[in-house]
Amino acid sequence: MSERSEAEADGRRHTGSSQRRSGERKQLLLRLDPRVHAAVAKWASDDLRSVNAQIEVLLRQALADAGRDPGAEPMRGRGRPRTDQSG
């Protein structure tokens, strides 16, 4: 069986590389109580962020408050990127 078909049989995605590229973001399935999601979605909307970005902000703040700041790259600013900026 090929590496690709073995990965598919195991339910894994074939990335072609065993290491993640620099800057690539991790994916996470998160199950939330619908009321918690609604509250985070409202907060994110108020701050002009996506729910995903709002959760990342909250996690970063909690890590920093707990003295466990991972020193991750800074997040992009709020709202849509300006047309004269790349990324």
PDB file of N, CA and C in Angstrom:
ATOM      1  N   MET A   1       0.859  -1.183   0.000  1.00  0.00           N
ATOM      2  CA  MET A   1       0.000   0.000   0.000  1.00  0.00           C
ATOM      3  C   MET A   1       0.896   1.232   0.000  1.00  0.00           C
ATOM      4  N   SER A   2       0.547   2.245  -0.796  1.00  0.00           N
ATOM      5  CA  SER A   2       1.362   3.452  -0.878  1.00  0.00           C
ATOM      6  C   SER A   2       1.204   4.289   0.388  1.00  0.00           C
ATOM      7  N   GLU A   3       2.139   5.239   0.577  1.00  0.00           N
ATOM      8  CA  GLU A   3       2.070   6.115   1.753  1.00  0.00           C
ATOM      9  C   GLU A   3       0.772   6.907   1.763  1.00  0.00           C
ATOM     10  N   ARG A   4       0.346   7.373   0.576  1.00  0.00           N
ATOM     11  CA  ARG A   4      -0.871   8.169   0.482  1.00  0.00           C
ATOM     12  C   ARG A   4      -2.094   7.325   0.860  1.00  0.00           C
ATOM     13  N   SER A   5      -2.215   6.136   0.326  1.00  0.00           N
ATOM     14  CA  SER A   5      -3.391   5.320   0.629  1.00  0.00           C
ATOM     15  C   SER A   5      -3.382   4.849   2.082  1.00  0.00           C
ATOM     16  N   GLU A   6      -2.195   4.616   2.658  1.00  0.00           N
ATOM     17  CA  GLU A   6      -2.124   4.271   4.087  1.00  0.00           C
ATOM     18  C   GLU A   6      -2.623   5.427   4.934  1.00  0.00           C
ATOM     19  N   ALA A   7      -2.220   6.655   4.590  1.00  0.00           N
ATOM     20  CA  ALA A   7      -2.659   7.831   5.337  1.00  0.00           C
ATOM     21  C   ALA A   7      -4.163   8.005   5.204  1.00  0.00           C
ATOM     22  N   GLU A   8      -4.684   7.793   3.996  1.00  0.00           N
ATOM     23  CA  GLU A   8      -6.128   7.914   3.801  1.00  0.00           C
ATOM     24  C   GLU A   8      -6.872   6.838   4.578  1.00  0.00           C
ATOM     25  N   ALA A   9      -6.330   5.624   4.611  1.00  0.00           N
ATOM     26  CA  ALA A   9      -6.972   4.529   5.339  1.00  0.00           C
ATOM     27  C   ALA A   9      -6.996   4.810   6.840  1.00  0.00           C
ATOM     28  N   ASP A  10      -5.967   5.494   7.342  1.00  0.00           N
ATOM     29  CA  ASP A  10      -5.907   5.832   8.764  1.00  0.00           C
ATOM     30  C   ASP A  10      -6.670   7.108   9.084  1.00  0.00           C
ATOM     31  N   GLY A  11      -7.191   7.788   8.067  1.00  0.00           N
ATOM     32  CA  GLY A  11      -7.911   9.040   8.288  1.00  0.00           C
ATOM     33  C   GLY A  11      -6.991  10.235   8.439  1.00  0.00           C
ATOM     34  N   ARG A  12      -5.716  10.048   8.096  1.00  0.00           N
ATOM     35  CA  ARG A  12      -4.764  11.154   8.184  1.00  0.00           C
ATOM     36  C   ARG A  12      -4.663  11.854   6.847  1.00  0.00           C
ATOM     37  N   ARG A  13      -4.293  13.113   6.869  1.00  0.00           N
ATOM     38  CA  ARG A  13      -4.055  13.857   5.640  1.00  0.00           C
ATOM     39  C   ARG A  13      -2.606  13.710   5.254  1.00  0.00           C
ATOM     40  N   HIS A  14      -2.373  13.514   3.976  1.00  0.00           N
ATOM     41  CA  HIS A  14      -1.011  13.429   3.458  1.00  0.00           C
ATOM     42  C   HIS A  14      -0.514  14.830   3.154  1.00  0.00           C
ATOM     43  N   THR A  15       0.567  15.259   3.799  1.00  0.00           N
ATOM     44  CA  THR A  15       1.084  16.606   3.578  1.00  0.00           C
ATOM     45  C   THR A  15       2.304  16.622   2.672  1.00  0.00           C
ATOM     46  N   GLY A  16       2.888  15.453   2.425  1.00  0.00           N
ATOM     47  CA  GLY A  16       4.074  15.418   1.590  1.00  0.00           C
ATOM     48  C   GLY A  16       5.335  15.751   2.366  1.00  0.00           C
ATOM     49  N   SER A  17       5.216  16.130   3.619  1.00  0.00           N
ATOM     50  CA  SER A  17       6.359  16.480   4.448  1.00  0.00           C
ATOM     51  C   SER A  17       6.024  16.165   5.892  1.00  0.00           C
ATOM     52  N   SER A  18       7.020  15.692   6.625  1.00  0.00           N
ATOM     53  CA  SER A  18       6.773  15.371   8.025  1.00  0.00           C
ATOM     54  C   SER A  18       6.866  16.604   8.920  1.00  0.00           C
ATOM     55  N   GLN A  19       7.360  17.716   8.377  1.00  0.00           N
ATOM     56  CA  GLN A  19       7.486  18.936   9.170  1.00  0.00           C
ATOM     57  C   GLN A  19       6.564  20.010   8.625  1.00  0.00           C
ATOM     58  N   ARG A  20       6.046  20.843   9.513  1.00  0.00           N
ATOM     59  CA  ARG A  20       5.197  21.960   9.103  1.00  0.00           C
ATOM     60  C   ARG A  20       6.081  23.095   8.605  1.00  0.00           C
ATOM     61  N   ARG A  21       5.573  23.791   7.601  1.00  0.00           N
ATOM     62  CA  ARG A  21       6.295  24.961   7.106  1.00  0.00           C
ATOM     63  C   ARG A  21       6.170  26.090   8.118  1.00  0.00           C
ATOM     64  N   SER A  22       7.173  26.958   8.155  1.00  0.00           N
ATOM     65  CA  SER A  22       7.137  28.117   9.024  1.00  0.00           C
ATOM     66  C   SER A  22       5.956  28.999   8.645  1.00  0.00           C
ATOM     67  N   GLY A  23       5.197  29.449   9.628  1.00  0.00           N
ATOM     68  CA  GLY A  23       4.061  30.314   9.375  1.00  0.00           C
ATOM     69  C   GLY A  23       2.763  29.576   9.136  1.00  0.00           C
ATOM     70  N   GLU A  24       2.822  28.257   8.946  1.00  0.00           N
ATOM     71  CA  GLU A  24       1.596  27.493   8.743  1.00  0.00           C
ATOM     72  C   GLU A  24       0.864  27.376  10.076  1.00  0.00           C
ATOM     73  N   ARG A  25      -0.454  27.521  10.036  1.00  0.00           N
ATOM     74  CA  ARG A  25      -1.243  27.533  11.263  1.00  0.00           C
ATOM     75  C   ARG A  25      -1.809  26.160  11.539  1.00  0.00           C
ATOM     76  N   LYS A  26      -1.910  25.820  12.805  1.00  0.00           N
ATOM     77  CA  LYS A  26      -2.505  24.558  13.232  1.00  0.00           C
ATOM     78  C   LYS A  26      -4.016  24.651  13.151  1.00  0.00           C
ATOM     79  N   GLN A  27      -4.650  23.537  12.829  1.00  0.00           N
ATOM     80  CA  GLN A  27      -6.100  23.468  12.825  1.00  0.00           C
ATOM     81  C   GLN A  27      -6.553  22.741  14.075  1.00  0.00           C
ATOM     82  N   LEU A  28      -7.714  23.137  14.592  1.00  0.00           N
ATOM     83  CA  LEU A  28      -8.226  22.561  15.824  1.00  0.00           C
ATOM     84  C   LEU A  28      -9.740  22.479  15.749  1.00  0.00           C
ATOM     85  N   LEU A  29     -10.273  21.319  16.039  1.00  0.00           N
ATOM     86  CA  LEU A  29     -11.716  21.169  16.145  1.00  0.00           C
ATOM     87  C   LEU A  29     -12.081  21.491  17.584  1.00  0.00           C
ATOM     88  N   LEU A  30     -12.985  22.438  17.770  1.00  0.00           N
ATOM     89  CA  LEU A  30     -13.366  22.883  19.105  1.00  0.00           C
ATOM     90  C   LEU A  30     -14.876  22.783  19.251  1.00  0.00           C
ATOM     91  N   ARG A  31     -15.316  22.059  20.236  1.00  0.00           N
ATOM     92  CA  ARG A  31     -16.745  21.946  20.508  1.00  0.00           C
ATOM     93  C   ARG A  31     -17.091  22.884  21.657  1.00  0.00           C
ATOM     94  N   LEU A  32     -18.077  23.744  21.431  1.00  0.00           N
ATOM     95  CA  LEU A  32     -18.484  24.726  22.426  1.00  0.00           C
ATOM     96  C   LEU A  32     -19.970  24.623  22.689  1.00  0.00           C
ATOM     97  N   ASP A  33     -20.374  24.978  23.889  1.00  0.00           N
ATOM     98  CA  ASP A  33     -21.776  25.162  24.198  1.00  0.00           C
ATOM     99  C   ASP A  33     -22.287  26.271  23.279  1.00  0.00           C
ATOM    100  N   PRO A  34     -23.457  26.119  22.691  1.00  0.00           N
ATOM    101  CA  PRO A  34     -23.973  27.145  21.773  1.00  0.00           C
ATOM    102  C   PRO A  34     -24.054  28.538  22.386  1.00  0.00           C
ATOM    103  N   ARG A  35     -24.332  28.626  23.679  1.00  0.00           N
ATOM    104  CA  ARG A  35     -24.405  29.944  24.327  1.00  0.00           C
ATOM    105  C   ARG A  35     -23.028  30.572  24.466  1.00  0.00           C
ATOM    106  N   VAL A  36     -22.003  29.739  24.704  1.00  0.00           N
ATOM    107  CA  VAL A  36     -20.630  30.253  24.770  1.00  0.00           C
ATOM    108  C   VAL A  36     -20.220  30.751  23.389  1.00  0.00           C
ATOM    109  N   HIS A  37     -20.522  29.964  22.363  1.00  0.00           N
ATOM    110  CA  HIS A  37     -20.186  30.378  20.995  1.00  0.00           C
ATOM    111  C   HIS A  37     -20.878  31.691  20.640  1.00  0.00           C
ATOM    112  N   ALA A  38     -22.140  31.815  20.984  1.00  0.00           N
ATOM    113  CA  ALA A  38     -22.888  33.042  20.683  1.00  0.00           C
ATOM    114  C   ALA A  38     -22.263  34.245  21.381  1.00  0.00           C
ATOM    115  N   ALA A  39     -21.856  34.072  22.633  1.00  0.00           N
ATOM    116  CA  ALA A  39     -21.240  35.166  23.376  1.00  0.00           C
ATOM    117  C   ALA A  39     -19.891  35.563  22.760  1.00  0.00           C
ATOM    118  N   VAL A  40     -19.090  34.562  22.372  1.00  0.00           N
ATOM    119  CA  VAL A  40     -17.798  34.849  21.742  1.00  0.00           C
ATOM    120  C   VAL A  40     -18.017  35.494  20.375  1.00  0.00           C
ATOM    121  N   ALA A  41     -19.009  35.012  19.628  1.00  0.00           N
ATOM    122  CA  ALA A  41     -19.306  35.586  18.315  1.00  0.00           C
ATOM    123  C   ALA A  41     -19.725  37.046  18.440  1.00  0.00           C
ATOM    124  N   LYS A  42     -20.530  37.370  19.428  1.00  0.00           N
ATOM    125  CA  LYS A  42     -20.963  38.763  19.661  1.00  0.00           C
ATOM    126  C   LYS A  42     -19.761  39.635  20.011  1.00  0.00           C
ATOM    127  N   TRP A  43     -18.919  39.128  20.908  1.00  0.00           N
ATOM    128  CA  TRP A  43     -17.719  39.857  21.315  1.00  0.00           C
ATOM    129  C   TRP A  43     -16.796  40.068  20.111  1.00  0.00           C
ATOM    130  N   ALA A  44     -16.622  39.021  19.305  1.00  0.00           N
ATOM    131  CA  ALA A  44     -15.775  39.126  18.119  1.00  0.00           C
ATOM    132  C   ALA A  44     -16.321  40.173  17.156  1.00  0.00           C
ATOM    133  N   SER A  45     -17.633  40.171  16.958  1.00  0.00           N
ATOM    134  CA  SER A  45     -18.260  41.153  16.073  1.00  0.00           C
ATOM    135  C   SER A  45     -18.038  42.574  16.593  1.00  0.00           C
ATOM    136  N   ASP A  46     -18.185  42.758  17.896  1.00  0.00           N
ATOM    137  CA  ASP A  46     -17.963  44.072  18.494  1.00  0.00           C
ATOM    138  C   ASP A  46     -16.526  44.560  18.284  1.00  0.00           C
ATOM    139  N   ASP A  47     -15.578  43.613  18.267  1.00  0.00           N
ATOM    140  CA  ASP A  47     -14.158  43.942  18.097  1.00  0.00           C
ATOM    141  C   ASP A  47     -13.687  43.846  16.645  1.00  0.00           C
ATOM    142  N   LEU A  48     -14.625  43.632  15.706  1.00  0.00           N
ATOM    143  CA  LEU A  48     -14.305  43.496  14.281  1.00  0.00           C
ATOM    144  C   LEU A  48     -13.321  42.359  14.027  1.00  0.00           C
ATOM    145  N   ARG A  49     -13.562  41.226  14.672  1.00  0.00           N
ATOM    146  CA  ARG A  49     -12.733  40.037  14.497  1.00  0.00           C
ATOM    147  C   ARG A  49     -13.619  38.865  14.131  1.00  0.00           C
ATOM    148  N   SER A  50     -12.993  37.824  13.582  1.00  0.00           N
ATOM    149  CA  SER A  50     -13.686  36.562  13.387  1.00  0.00           C
ATOM    150  C   SER A  50     -13.750  35.842  14.739  1.00  0.00           C
ATOM    151  N   VAL A  51     -14.614  34.856  14.840  1.00  0.00           N
ATOM    152  CA  VAL A  51     -14.679  34.064  16.071  1.00  0.00           C
ATOM    153  C   VAL A  51     -13.326  33.398  16.311  1.00  0.00           C
ATOM    154  N   ASN A  52     -12.715  32.880  15.253  1.00  0.00           N
ATOM    155  CA  ASN A  52     -11.414  32.229  15.375  1.00  0.00           C
ATOM    156  C   ASN A  52     -10.369  33.195  15.944  1.00  0.00           C
ATOM    157  N   ALA A  53     -10.314  34.401  15.401  1.00  0.00           N
ATOM    158  CA  ALA A  53      -9.347  35.391  15.877  1.00  0.00           C
ATOM    159  C   ALA A  53      -9.628  35.785  17.323  1.00  0.00           C
ATOM    160  N   GLN A  54     -10.917  35.902  17.671  1.00  0.00           N
ATOM    161  CA  GLN A  54     -11.269  36.268  19.044  1.00  0.00           C
ATOM    162  C   GLN A  54     -10.817  35.189  20.025  1.00  0.00           C
ATOM    163  N   ILE A  55     -11.027  33.923  19.659  1.00  0.00           N
ATOM    164  CA  ILE A  55     -10.587  32.825  20.525  1.00  0.00           C
ATOM    165  C   ILE A  55      -9.069  32.851  20.668  1.00  0.00           C
ATOM    166  N   GLU A  56      -8.351  33.134  19.584  1.00  0.00           N
ATOM    167  CA  GLU A  56      -6.890  33.206  19.671  1.00  0.00           C
ATOM    168  C   GLU A  56      -6.451  34.348  20.581  1.00  0.00           C
ATOM    169  N   VAL A  57      -7.108  35.499  20.488  1.00  0.00           N
ATOM    170  CA  VAL A  57      -6.787  36.633  21.367  1.00  0.00           C
ATOM    171  C   VAL A  57      -6.992  36.226  22.822  1.00  0.00           C
ATOM    172  N   LEU A  58      -8.123  35.601  23.109  1.00  0.00           N
ATOM    173  CA  LEU A  58      -8.419  35.186  24.479  1.00  0.00           C
ATOM    174  C   LEU A  58      -7.402  34.169  24.995  1.00  0.00           C
ATOM    175  N   LEU A  59      -7.025  33.216  24.151  1.00  0.00           N
ATOM    176  CA  LEU A  59      -6.024  32.231  24.560  1.00  0.00           C
ATOM    177  C   LEU A  59      -4.665  32.878  24.807  1.00  0.00           C
ATOM    178  N   ARG A  60      -4.274  33.802  23.922  1.00  0.00           N
ATOM    179  CA  ARG A  60      -2.988  34.482  24.112  1.00  0.00           C
ATOM    180  C   ARG A  60      -2.980  35.276  25.417  1.00  0.00           C
ATOM    181  N   GLN A  61      -4.093  35.971  25.711  1.00  0.00           N
ATOM    182  CA  GLN A  61      -4.172  36.741  26.960  1.00  0.00           C
ATOM    183  C   GLN A  61      -4.103  35.823  28.165  1.00  0.00           C
ATOM    184  N   ALA A  62      -4.814  34.696  28.107  1.00  0.00           N
ATOM    185  CA  ALA A  62      -4.803  33.747  29.222  1.00  0.00           C
ATOM    186  C   ALA A  62      -3.406  33.159  29.416  1.00  0.00           C
ATOM    187  N   LEU A  63      -2.714  32.837  28.333  1.00  0.00           N
ATOM    188  CA  LEU A  63      -1.345  32.315  28.441  1.00  0.00           C
ATOM    189  C   LEU A  63      -0.412  33.358  29.053  1.00  0.00           C
ATOM    190  N   ALA A  64      -0.514  34.595  28.616  1.00  0.00           N
ATOM    191  CA  ALA A  64       0.334  35.661  29.154  1.00  0.00           C
ATOM    192  C   ALA A  64       0.044  35.885  30.639  1.00  0.00           C
ATOM    193  N   ASP A  65      -1.244  35.904  31.004  1.00  0.00           N
ATOM    194  CA  ASP A  65      -1.628  36.103  32.405  1.00  0.00           C
ATOM    195  C   ASP A  65      -1.122  34.970  33.297  1.00  0.00           C
ATOM    196  N   ALA A  66      -1.027  33.777  32.740  1.00  0.00           N
ATOM    197  CA  ALA A  66      -0.561  32.617  33.505  1.00  0.00           C
ATOM    198  C   ALA A  66       0.957  32.470  33.480  1.00  0.00           C
ATOM    199  N   GLY A  67       1.645  33.423  32.835  1.00  0.00           N
ATOM    200  CA  GLY A  67       3.100  33.351  32.754  1.00  0.00           C
ATOM    201  C   GLY A  67       3.568  32.267  31.798  1.00  0.00           C
ATOM    202  N   ARG A  68       2.752  31.931  30.822  1.00  0.00           N
ATOM    203  CA  ARG A  68       3.084  30.873  29.862  1.00  0.00           C
ATOM    204  C   ARG A  68       3.076  31.397  28.430  1.00  0.00           C
ATOM    205  N   ASP A  69       3.433  32.646  28.236  1.00  0.00           N
ATOM    206  CA  ASP A  69       3.453  33.258  26.913  1.00  0.00           C
ATOM    207  C   ASP A  69       4.389  32.468  26.004  1.00  0.00           C
ATOM    208  N   PRO A  70       3.885  31.951  24.873  1.00  0.00           N
ATOM    209  CA  PRO A  70       4.726  31.133  24.006  1.00  0.00           C
ATOM    210  C   PRO A  70       5.655  31.931  23.108  1.00  0.00           C
ATOM    211  N   GLY A  71       5.551  33.245  23.118  1.00  0.00           N
ATOM    212  CA  GLY A  71       6.398  34.068  22.257  1.00  0.00           C
ATOM    213  C   GLY A  71       6.035  33.903  20.786  1.00  0.00           C
ATOM    214  N   ALA A  72       4.759  33.686  20.514  1.00  0.00           N
ATOM    215  CA  ALA A  72       4.295  33.486  19.140  1.00  0.00           C
ATOM    216  C   ALA A  72       4.371  34.781  18.354  1.00  0.00           C
ATOM    217  N   GLU A  73       4.324  34.635  17.035  1.00  0.00           N
ATOM    218  CA  GLU A  73       4.307  35.801  16.159  1.00  0.00           C
ATOM    219  C   GLU A  73       3.110  36.675  16.506  1.00  0.00           C
ATOM    220  N   PRO A  74       3.226  37.999  16.384  1.00  0.00           N
ATOM    221  CA  PRO A  74       2.077  38.863  16.672  1.00  0.00           C
ATOM    222  C   PRO A  74       0.946  38.609  15.685  1.00  0.00           C
ATOM    223  N   MET A  75      -0.275  38.847  16.149  1.00  0.00           N
ATOM    224  CA  MET A  75      -1.441  38.677  15.290  1.00  0.00           C
ATOM    225  C   MET A  75      -1.564  39.868  14.358  1.00  0.00           C
ATOM    226  N   ARG A  76      -2.229  39.639  13.226  1.00  0.00           N
ATOM    227  CA  ARG A  76      -2.538  40.714  12.294  1.00  0.00           C
ATOM    228  C   ARG A  76      -3.528  41.641  12.972  1.00  0.00           C
ATOM    229  N   GLY A  77      -3.552  42.899  12.583  1.00  0.00           N
ATOM    230  CA  GLY A  77      -4.466  43.874  13.175  1.00  0.00           C
ATOM    231  C   GLY A  77      -5.931  43.539  12.926  1.00  0.00           C
ATOM    232  N   ARG A  78      -6.821  44.237  13.614  1.00  0.00           N
ATOM    233  CA  ARG A  78      -8.252  44.002  13.475  1.00  0.00           C
ATOM    234  C   ARG A  78      -8.783  44.446  12.124  1.00  0.00           C
ATOM    235  N   GLY A  79      -9.900  43.854  11.735  1.00  0.00           N
ATOM    236  CA  GLY A  79     -10.575  44.250  10.504  1.00  0.00           C
ATOM    237  C   GLY A  79      -9.896  43.715   9.260  1.00  0.00           C
ATOM    238  N   ARG A  80     -10.380  44.168   8.132  1.00  0.00           N
ATOM    239  CA  ARG A  80      -9.830  43.732   6.848  1.00  0.00           C
ATOM    240  C   ARG A  80      -8.480  44.394   6.605  1.00  0.00           C
ATOM    241  N   PRO A  81      -7.565  43.667   5.956  1.00  0.00           N
ATOM    242  CA  PRO A  81      -6.287  44.293   5.621  1.00  0.00           C
ATOM    243  C   PRO A  81      -6.504  45.393   4.583  1.00  0.00           C
ATOM    244  N   ARG A  82      -5.711  46.438   4.663  1.00  0.00           N
ATOM    245  CA  ARG A  82      -5.817  47.505   3.679  1.00  0.00           C
ATOM    246  C   ARG A  82      -5.326  46.974   2.335  1.00  0.00           C
ATOM    247  N   THR A  83      -5.825  47.535   1.253  1.00  0.00           N
ATOM    248  CA  THR A  83      -5.469  47.055  -0.074  1.00  0.00           C
ATOM    249  C   THR A  83      -4.022  47.300  -0.425  1.00  0.00           C
ATOM    250  N   ASP A  84      -3.360  48.260   0.216  1.00  0.00           N
ATOM    251  CA  ASP A  84      -1.960  48.543  -0.087  1.00  0.00           C
ATOM    252  C   ASP A  84      -1.006  47.645   0.704  1.00  0.00           C
ATOM    253  N   GLN A  85      -1.544  46.770   1.580  1.00  0.00           N
ATOM    254  CA  GLN A  85      -0.715  45.869   2.363  1.00  0.00           C
ATOM    255  C   GLN A  85      -0.856  44.459   1.825  1.00  0.00           C
ATOM    256  N   SER A  86       0.221  43.681   1.891  1.00  0.00           N
ATOM    257  CA  SER A  86       0.128  42.270   1.503  1.00  0.00           C
ATOM    258  C   SER A  86      -0.064  41.438   2.752  1.00  0.00           C
ATOM    259  N   GLY A  87      -0.727  40.269   2.595  1.00  0.00           N
ATOM    260  CA  GLY A  87      -0.879  39.322   3.686  1.00  0.00           C
ATOM    261  C   GLY A  87      -2.088  39.519   4.427  1.00  0.00           C
TER     262      GLY A  87
END
